[in-house]
Amino acid sequence: MNAKDLIALNNEKRKQLNEHNRNYYEDMLVYIRSHLLLSEQQSEELLMELLDHLLEAQKHGKSAEDVFGKDPK
């Protein structure tokens, strides 16, 4: 899957997050896209993996902080 497709899928999957987890994830997304020295493809693959972990954790009643810690960076 190319970066453009990953971005589109990420946008759709992100709608499944509750408001609190979505805000946290979007902070991570901005940080990863703008601060890490990764290619666009690598960044989008990483974001998709993080989103999948967060969605699974959310199903089990966990928050983004439970999964990733207090700081989304």
PDB file of N, CA and C in Angstrom:
ATOM      1  N   MET A   1       0.844  -1.165   0.000  1.00  0.00           N
ATOM      2  CA  MET A   1       0.000   0.000   0.000  1.00  0.00           C
ATOM      3  C   MET A   1       0.899   1.241   0.000  1.00  0.00           C
ATOM      4  N   ASN A   2       0.598   2.188  -0.856  1.00  0.00           N
ATOM      5  CA  ASN A   2       1.431   3.387  -0.912  1.00  0.00           C
ATOM      6  C   ASN A   2       1.005   4.394   0.159  1.00  0.00           C
ATOM      7  N   ALA A   3       1.799   5.442   0.323  1.00  0.00           N
ATOM      8  CA  ALA A   3       1.568   6.419   1.393  1.00  0.00           C
ATOM      9  C   ALA A   3       0.201   7.088   1.260  1.00  0.00           C
ATOM     10  N   LYS A   4      -0.195   7.413   0.044  1.00  0.00           N
ATOM     11  CA  LYS A   4      -1.492   8.067  -0.174  1.00  0.00           C
ATOM     12  C   LYS A   4      -2.636   7.164   0.287  1.00  0.00           C
ATOM     13  N   ASP A   5      -2.560   5.889  -0.030  1.00  0.00           N
ATOM     14  CA  ASP A   5      -3.589   4.936   0.398  1.00  0.00           C
ATOM     15  C   ASP A   5      -3.591   4.775   1.915  1.00  0.00           C
ATOM     16  N   LEU A   6      -2.401   4.743   2.514  1.00  0.00           N
ATOM     17  CA  LEU A   6      -2.302   4.629   3.972  1.00  0.00           C
ATOM     18  C   LEU A   6      -2.920   5.841   4.664  1.00  0.00           C
ATOM     19  N   ILE A   7      -2.696   7.022   4.111  1.00  0.00           N
ATOM     20  CA  ILE A   7      -3.274   8.242   4.683  1.00  0.00           C
ATOM     21  C   ILE A   7      -4.797   8.174   4.628  1.00  0.00           C
ATOM     22  N   ALA A   8      -5.342   7.756   3.501  1.00  0.00           N
ATOM     23  CA  ALA A   8      -6.797   7.650   3.364  1.00  0.00           C
ATOM     24  C   ALA A   8      -7.367   6.630   4.350  1.00  0.00           C
ATOM     25  N   LEU A   9      -6.716   5.491   4.474  1.00  0.00           N
ATOM     26  CA  LEU A   9      -7.173   4.462   5.407  1.00  0.00           C
ATOM     27  C   LEU A   9      -7.052   4.952   6.846  1.00  0.00           C
ATOM     28  N   ASN A  10      -5.970   5.642   7.149  1.00  0.00           N
ATOM     29  CA  ASN A  10      -5.765   6.201   8.483  1.00  0.00           C
ATOM     30  C   ASN A  10      -6.900   7.166   8.821  1.00  0.00           C
ATOM     31  N   ASN A  11      -7.261   8.022   7.876  1.00  0.00           N
ATOM     32  CA  ASN A  11      -8.343   8.982   8.109  1.00  0.00           C
ATOM     33  C   ASN A  11      -9.653   8.275   8.421  1.00  0.00           C
ATOM     34  N   GLU A  12      -9.924   7.183   7.738  1.00  0.00           N
ATOM     35  CA  GLU A  12     -11.154   6.423   7.987  1.00  0.00           C
ATOM     36  C   GLU A  12     -11.110   5.717   9.338  1.00  0.00           C
ATOM     37  N   LYS A  13     -10.019   5.039   9.616  1.00  0.00           N
ATOM     38  CA  LYS A  13      -9.902   4.297  10.878  1.00  0.00           C
ATOM     39  C   LYS A  13      -9.934   5.222  12.087  1.00  0.00           C
ATOM     40  N   ARG A  14      -9.367   6.404  11.935  1.00  0.00           N
ATOM     41  CA  ARG A  14      -9.291   7.353  13.051  1.00  0.00           C
ATOM     42  C   ARG A  14     -10.676   7.754  13.548  1.00  0.00           C
ATOM     43  N   LYS A  15     -11.672   7.681  12.686  1.00  0.00           N
ATOM     44  CA  LYS A  15     -13.052   8.010  13.069  1.00  0.00           C
ATOM     45  C   LYS A  15     -13.587   7.056  14.135  1.00  0.00           C
ATOM     46  N   GLN A  16     -12.962   5.894  14.281  1.00  0.00           N
ATOM     47  CA  GLN A  16     -13.401   4.904  15.268  1.00  0.00           C
ATOM     48  C   GLN A  16     -12.905   5.221  16.678  1.00  0.00           C
ATOM     49  N   LEU A  17     -11.969   6.150  16.787  1.00  0.00           N
ATOM     50  CA  LEU A  17     -11.431   6.501  18.100  1.00  0.00           C
ATOM     51  C   LEU A  17     -12.401   7.403  18.853  1.00  0.00           C
ATOM     52  N   ASN A  18     -12.430   7.250  20.176  1.00  0.00           N
ATOM     53  CA  ASN A  18     -13.210   8.197  20.961  1.00  0.00           C
ATOM     54  C   ASN A  18     -12.483   9.546  20.932  1.00  0.00           C
ATOM     55  N   GLU A  19     -13.150  10.584  21.393  1.00  0.00           N
ATOM     56  CA  GLU A  19     -12.598  11.935  21.270  1.00  0.00           C
ATOM     57  C   GLU A  19     -11.243  12.077  21.966  1.00  0.00           C
ATOM     58  N   HIS A  20     -11.136  11.560  23.166  1.00  0.00           N
ATOM     59  CA  HIS A  20      -9.890  11.674  23.927  1.00  0.00           C
ATOM     60  C   HIS A  20      -8.739  10.969  23.202  1.00  0.00           C
ATOM     61  N   ASN A  21      -8.964   9.740  22.778  1.00  0.00           N
ATOM     62  CA  ASN A  21      -7.917   8.985  22.081  1.00  0.00           C
ATOM     63  C   ASN A  21      -7.587   9.600  20.722  1.00  0.00           C
ATOM     64  N   ARG A  22      -8.603  10.138  20.048  1.00  0.00           N
ATOM     65  CA  ARG A  22      -8.366  10.775  18.749  1.00  0.00           C
ATOM     66  C   ARG A  22      -7.468  12.010  18.918  1.00  0.00           C
ATOM     67  N   ASN A  23      -7.749  12.824  19.933  1.00  0.00           N
ATOM     68  CA  ASN A  23      -6.920  14.013  20.166  1.00  0.00           C
ATOM     69  C   ASN A  23      -5.474  13.620  20.456  1.00  0.00           C
ATOM     70  N   TYR A  24      -5.289  12.616  21.296  1.00  0.00           N
ATOM     71  CA  TYR A  24      -3.945  12.139  21.631  1.00  0.00           C
ATOM     72  C   TYR A  24      -3.255  11.621  20.366  1.00  0.00           C
ATOM     73  N   TYR A  25      -3.951  10.782  19.615  1.00  0.00           N
ATOM     74  CA  TYR A  25      -3.371  10.199  18.405  1.00  0.00           C
ATOM     75  C   TYR A  25      -3.009  11.288  17.389  1.00  0.00           C
ATOM     76  N   GLU A  26      -3.870  12.277  17.242  1.00  0.00           N
ATOM     77  CA  GLU A  26      -3.591  13.338  16.280  1.00  0.00           C
ATOM     78  C   GLU A  26      -2.374  14.158  16.692  1.00  0.00           C
ATOM     79  N   ASP A  27      -2.126  14.306  17.990  1.00  0.00           N
ATOM     80  CA  ASP A  27      -0.889  14.946  18.443  1.00  0.00           C
ATOM     81  C   ASP A  27       0.324  14.108  18.028  1.00  0.00           C
ATOM     82  N   MET A  28       0.217  12.778  18.181  1.00  0.00           N
ATOM     83  CA  MET A  28       1.305  11.895  17.743  1.00  0.00           C
ATOM     84  C   MET A  28       1.498  11.997  16.235  1.00  0.00           C
ATOM     85  N   LEU A  29       0.394  12.013  15.510  1.00  0.00           N
ATOM     86  CA  LEU A  29       0.438  12.076  14.054  1.00  0.00           C
ATOM     87  C   LEU A  29       1.201  13.318  13.591  1.00  0.00           C
ATOM     88  N   VAL A  30       0.860  14.464  14.147  1.00  0.00           N
ATOM     89  CA  VAL A  30       1.537  15.706  13.768  1.00  0.00           C
ATOM     90  C   VAL A  30       3.025  15.617  14.084  1.00  0.00           C
ATOM     91  N   TYR A  31       3.346  15.110  15.252  1.00  0.00           N
ATOM     92  CA  TYR A  31       4.750  14.991  15.644  1.00  0.00           C
ATOM     93  C   TYR A  31       5.509  14.064  14.689  1.00  0.00           C
ATOM     94  N   ILE A  32       4.950  12.911  14.414  1.00  0.00           N
ATOM     95  CA  ILE A  32       5.632  11.937  13.552  1.00  0.00           C
ATOM     96  C   ILE A  32       5.792  12.474  12.135  1.00  0.00           C
ATOM     97  N   ARG A  33       4.752  13.094  11.612  1.00  0.00           N
ATOM     98  CA  ARG A  33       4.831  13.611  10.242  1.00  0.00           C
ATOM     99  C   ARG A  33       5.777  14.795  10.112  1.00  0.00           C
ATOM    100  N   SER A  34       5.955  15.557  11.175  1.00  0.00           N
ATOM    101  CA  SER A  34       6.747  16.782  11.041  1.00  0.00           C
ATOM    102  C   SER A  34       8.131  16.737  11.686  1.00  0.00           C
ATOM    103  N   HIS A  35       8.370  15.804  12.623  1.00  0.00           N
ATOM    104  CA  HIS A  35       9.626  15.847  13.361  1.00  0.00           C
ATOM    105  C   HIS A  35      10.542  14.633  13.171  1.00  0.00           C
ATOM    106  N   LEU A  36      10.004  13.519  12.811  1.00  0.00           N
ATOM    107  CA  LEU A  36      10.856  12.340  12.665  1.00  0.00           C
ATOM    108  C   LEU A  36      11.476  12.298  11.276  1.00  0.00           C
ATOM    109  N   LEU A  37      12.674  11.805  11.206  1.00  0.00           N
ATOM    110  CA  LEU A  37      13.390  11.739   9.937  1.00  0.00           C
ATOM    111  C   LEU A  37      13.093  10.415   9.231  1.00  0.00           C
ATOM    112  N   LEU A  38      11.835  10.260   8.873  1.00  0.00           N
ATOM    113  CA  LEU A  38      11.389   9.066   8.161  1.00  0.00           C
ATOM    114  C   LEU A  38      10.830   9.484   6.812  1.00  0.00           C
ATOM    115  N   SER A  39      10.848   8.561   5.874  1.00  0.00           N
ATOM    116  CA  SER A  39      10.190   8.836   4.600  1.00  0.00           C
ATOM    117  C   SER A  39       8.682   8.910   4.841  1.00  0.00           C
ATOM    118  N   GLU A  40       7.970   9.479   3.889  1.00  0.00           N
ATOM    119  CA  GLU A  40       6.513   9.550   4.017  1.00  0.00           C
ATOM    120  C   GLU A  40       5.927   8.144   4.174  1.00  0.00           C
ATOM    121  N   GLN A  41       6.417   7.208   3.401  1.00  0.00           N
ATOM    122  CA  GLN A  41       5.933   5.826   3.469  1.00  0.00           C
ATOM    123  C   GLN A  41       6.175   5.236   4.857  1.00  0.00           C
ATOM    124  N   GLN A  42       7.382   5.408   5.381  1.00  0.00           N
ATOM    125  CA  GLN A  42       7.705   4.875   6.709  1.00  0.00           C
ATOM    126  C   GLN A  42       6.849   5.528   7.790  1.00  0.00           C
ATOM    127  N   SER A  43       6.659   6.829   7.691  1.00  0.00           N
ATOM    128  CA  SER A  43       5.834   7.543   8.672  1.00  0.00           C
ATOM    129  C   SER A  43       4.408   7.018   8.667  1.00  0.00           C
ATOM    130  N   GLU A  44       3.852   6.836   7.485  1.00  0.00           N
ATOM    131  CA  GLU A  44       2.460   6.384   7.390  1.00  0.00           C
ATOM    132  C   GLU A  44       2.309   4.936   7.847  1.00  0.00           C
ATOM    133  N   GLU A  45       3.301   4.107   7.587  1.00  0.00           N
ATOM    134  CA  GLU A  45       3.256   2.725   8.077  1.00  0.00           C
ATOM    135  C   GLU A  45       3.319   2.697   9.601  1.00  0.00           C
ATOM    136  N   LEU A  46       4.181   3.531  10.180  1.00  0.00           N
ATOM    137  CA  LEU A  46       4.279   3.621  11.636  1.00  0.00           C
ATOM    138  C   LEU A  46       2.974   4.126  12.236  1.00  0.00           C
ATOM    139  N   LEU A  47       2.408   5.167  11.652  1.00  0.00           N
ATOM    140  CA  LEU A  47       1.147   5.710  12.164  1.00  0.00           C
ATOM    141  C   LEU A  47       0.028   4.673  12.104  1.00  0.00           C
ATOM    142  N   MET A  48      -0.010   3.889  11.031  1.00  0.00           N
ATOM    143  CA  MET A  48      -1.044   2.863  10.907  1.00  0.00           C
ATOM    144  C   MET A  48      -0.877   1.800  11.986  1.00  0.00           C
ATOM    145  N   GLU A  49       0.351   1.414  12.247  1.00  0.00           N
ATOM    146  CA  GLU A  49       0.608   0.421  13.293  1.00  0.00           C
ATOM    147  C   GLU A  49       0.186   0.960  14.661  1.00  0.00           C
ATOM    148  N   LEU A  50       0.534   2.203  14.946  1.00  0.00           N
ATOM    149  CA  LEU A  50       0.147   2.814  16.221  1.00  0.00           C
ATOM    150  C   LEU A  50      -1.372   2.923  16.337  1.00  0.00           C
ATOM    151  N   LEU A  51      -2.021   3.310  15.251  1.00  0.00           N
ATOM    152  CA  LEU A  51      -3.478   3.434  15.255  1.00  0.00           C
ATOM    153  C   LEU A  51      -4.142   2.084  15.490  1.00  0.00           C
ATOM    154  N   ASP A  52      -3.646   1.050  14.845  1.00  0.00           N
ATOM    155  CA  ASP A  52      -4.209  -0.292  15.049  1.00  0.00           C
ATOM    156  C   ASP A  52      -4.059  -0.738  16.499  1.00  0.00           C
ATOM    157  N   HIS A  53      -2.905  -0.466  17.110  1.00  0.00           N
ATOM    158  CA  HIS A  53      -2.699  -0.807  18.526  1.00  0.00           C
ATOM    159  C   HIS A  53      -3.678  -0.039  19.412  1.00  0.00           C
ATOM    160  N   LEU A  54      -3.850   1.237  19.111  1.00  0.00           N
ATOM    161  CA  LEU A  54      -4.741   2.064  19.924  1.00  0.00           C
ATOM    162  C   LEU A  54      -6.194   1.629  19.772  1.00  0.00           C
ATOM    163  N   LEU A  55      -6.615   1.311  18.567  1.00  0.00           N
ATOM    164  CA  LEU A  55      -7.989   0.841  18.364  1.00  0.00           C
ATOM    165  C   LEU A  55      -8.244  -0.458  19.126  1.00  0.00           C
ATOM    166  N   GLU A  56      -7.293  -1.357  19.101  1.00  0.00           N
ATOM    167  CA  GLU A  56      -7.437  -2.620  19.828  1.00  0.00           C
ATOM    168  C   GLU A  56      -7.501  -2.360  21.331  1.00  0.00           C
ATOM    169  N   ALA A  57      -6.642  -1.499  21.824  1.00  0.00           N
ATOM    170  CA  ALA A  57      -6.642  -1.175  23.256  1.00  0.00           C
ATOM    171  C   ALA A  57      -7.952  -0.506  23.661  1.00  0.00           C
ATOM    172  N   GLN A  58      -8.454   0.374  22.806  1.00  0.00           N
ATOM    173  CA  GLN A  58      -9.710   1.065  23.099  1.00  0.00           C
ATOM    174  C   GLN A  58     -10.857   0.068  23.248  1.00  0.00           C
ATOM    175  N   LYS A  59     -10.858  -0.975  22.429  1.00  0.00           N
ATOM    176  CA  LYS A  59     -11.886  -2.022  22.536  1.00  0.00           C
ATOM    177  C   LYS A  59     -11.876  -2.674  23.907  1.00  0.00           C
ATOM    178  N   HIS A  60     -10.715  -2.647  24.560  1.00  0.00           N
ATOM    179  CA  HIS A  60     -10.559  -3.264  25.878  1.00  0.00           C
ATOM    180  C   HIS A  60     -10.603  -2.232  27.000  1.00  0.00           C
ATOM    181  N   GLY A  61     -11.108  -1.040  26.672  1.00  0.00           N
ATOM    182  CA  GLY A  61     -11.304  -0.017  27.687  1.00  0.00           C
ATOM    183  C   GLY A  61     -10.068   0.760  28.086  1.00  0.00           C
ATOM    184  N   LYS A  62      -9.014   0.673  27.296  1.00  0.00           N
ATOM    185  CA  LYS A  62      -7.779   1.386  27.625  1.00  0.00           C
ATOM    186  C   LYS A  62      -7.712   2.712  26.866  1.00  0.00           C
ATOM    187  N   SER A  63      -7.026   3.668  27.472  1.00  0.00           N
ATOM    188  CA  SER A  63      -6.844   4.974  26.839  1.00  0.00           C
ATOM    189  C   SER A  63      -5.496   5.021  26.126  1.00  0.00           C
ATOM    190  N   ALA A  64      -5.315   6.076  25.353  1.00  0.00           N
ATOM    191  CA  ALA A  64      -4.040   6.275  24.663  1.00  0.00           C
ATOM    192  C   ALA A  64      -2.893   6.369  25.660  1.00  0.00           C
ATOM    193  N   GLU A  65      -3.136   7.018  26.797  1.00  0.00           N
ATOM    194  CA  GLU A  65      -2.093   7.131  27.820  1.00  0.00           C
ATOM    195  C   GLU A  65      -1.729   5.766  28.391  1.00  0.00           C
ATOM    196  N   ASP A  66      -2.720   4.894  28.531  1.00  0.00           N
ATOM    197  CA  ASP A  66      -2.448   3.540  29.019  1.00  0.00           C
ATOM    198  C   ASP A  66      -1.503   2.804  28.070  1.00  0.00           C
ATOM    199  N   VAL A  67      -1.652   3.058  26.790  1.00  0.00           N
ATOM    200  CA  VAL A  67      -0.875   2.348  25.776  1.00  0.00           C
ATOM    201  C   VAL A  67       0.484   3.005  25.525  1.00  0.00           C
ATOM    202  N   PHE A  68       0.489   4.331  25.392  1.00  0.00           N
ATOM    203  CA  PHE A  68       1.690   5.035  24.936  1.00  0.00           C
ATOM    204  C   PHE A  68       2.349   5.926  25.987  1.00  0.00           C
ATOM    205  N   GLY A  69       1.722   6.132  27.119  1.00  0.00           N
ATOM    206  CA  GLY A  69       2.277   7.030  28.131  1.00  0.00           C
ATOM    207  C   GLY A  69       1.657   8.418  28.047  1.00  0.00           C
ATOM    208  N   LYS A  70       2.077   9.273  28.938  1.00  0.00           N
ATOM    209  CA  LYS A  70       1.466  10.605  29.062  1.00  0.00           C
ATOM    210  C   LYS A  70       1.804  11.557  27.917  1.00  0.00           C
ATOM    211  N   ASP A  71       2.980  11.431  27.332  1.00  0.00           N
ATOM    212  CA  ASP A  71       3.431  12.374  26.312  1.00  0.00           C
ATOM    213  C   ASP A  71       3.329  11.747  24.926  1.00  0.00           C
ATOM    214  N   PRO A  72       2.490  12.303  24.051  1.00  0.00           N
ATOM    215  CA  PRO A  72       2.330  11.717  22.721  1.00  0.00           C
ATOM    216  C   PRO A  72       3.553  11.840  21.824  1.00  0.00           C
ATOM    217  N   LYS A  73       4.586  12.522  22.298  1.00  0.00           N
ATOM    218  CA  LYS A  73       5.818  12.625  21.506  1.00  0.00           C
ATOM    219  C   LYS A  73       6.699  11.476  21.876  1.00  0.00           C
TER     220      LYS A  73
END
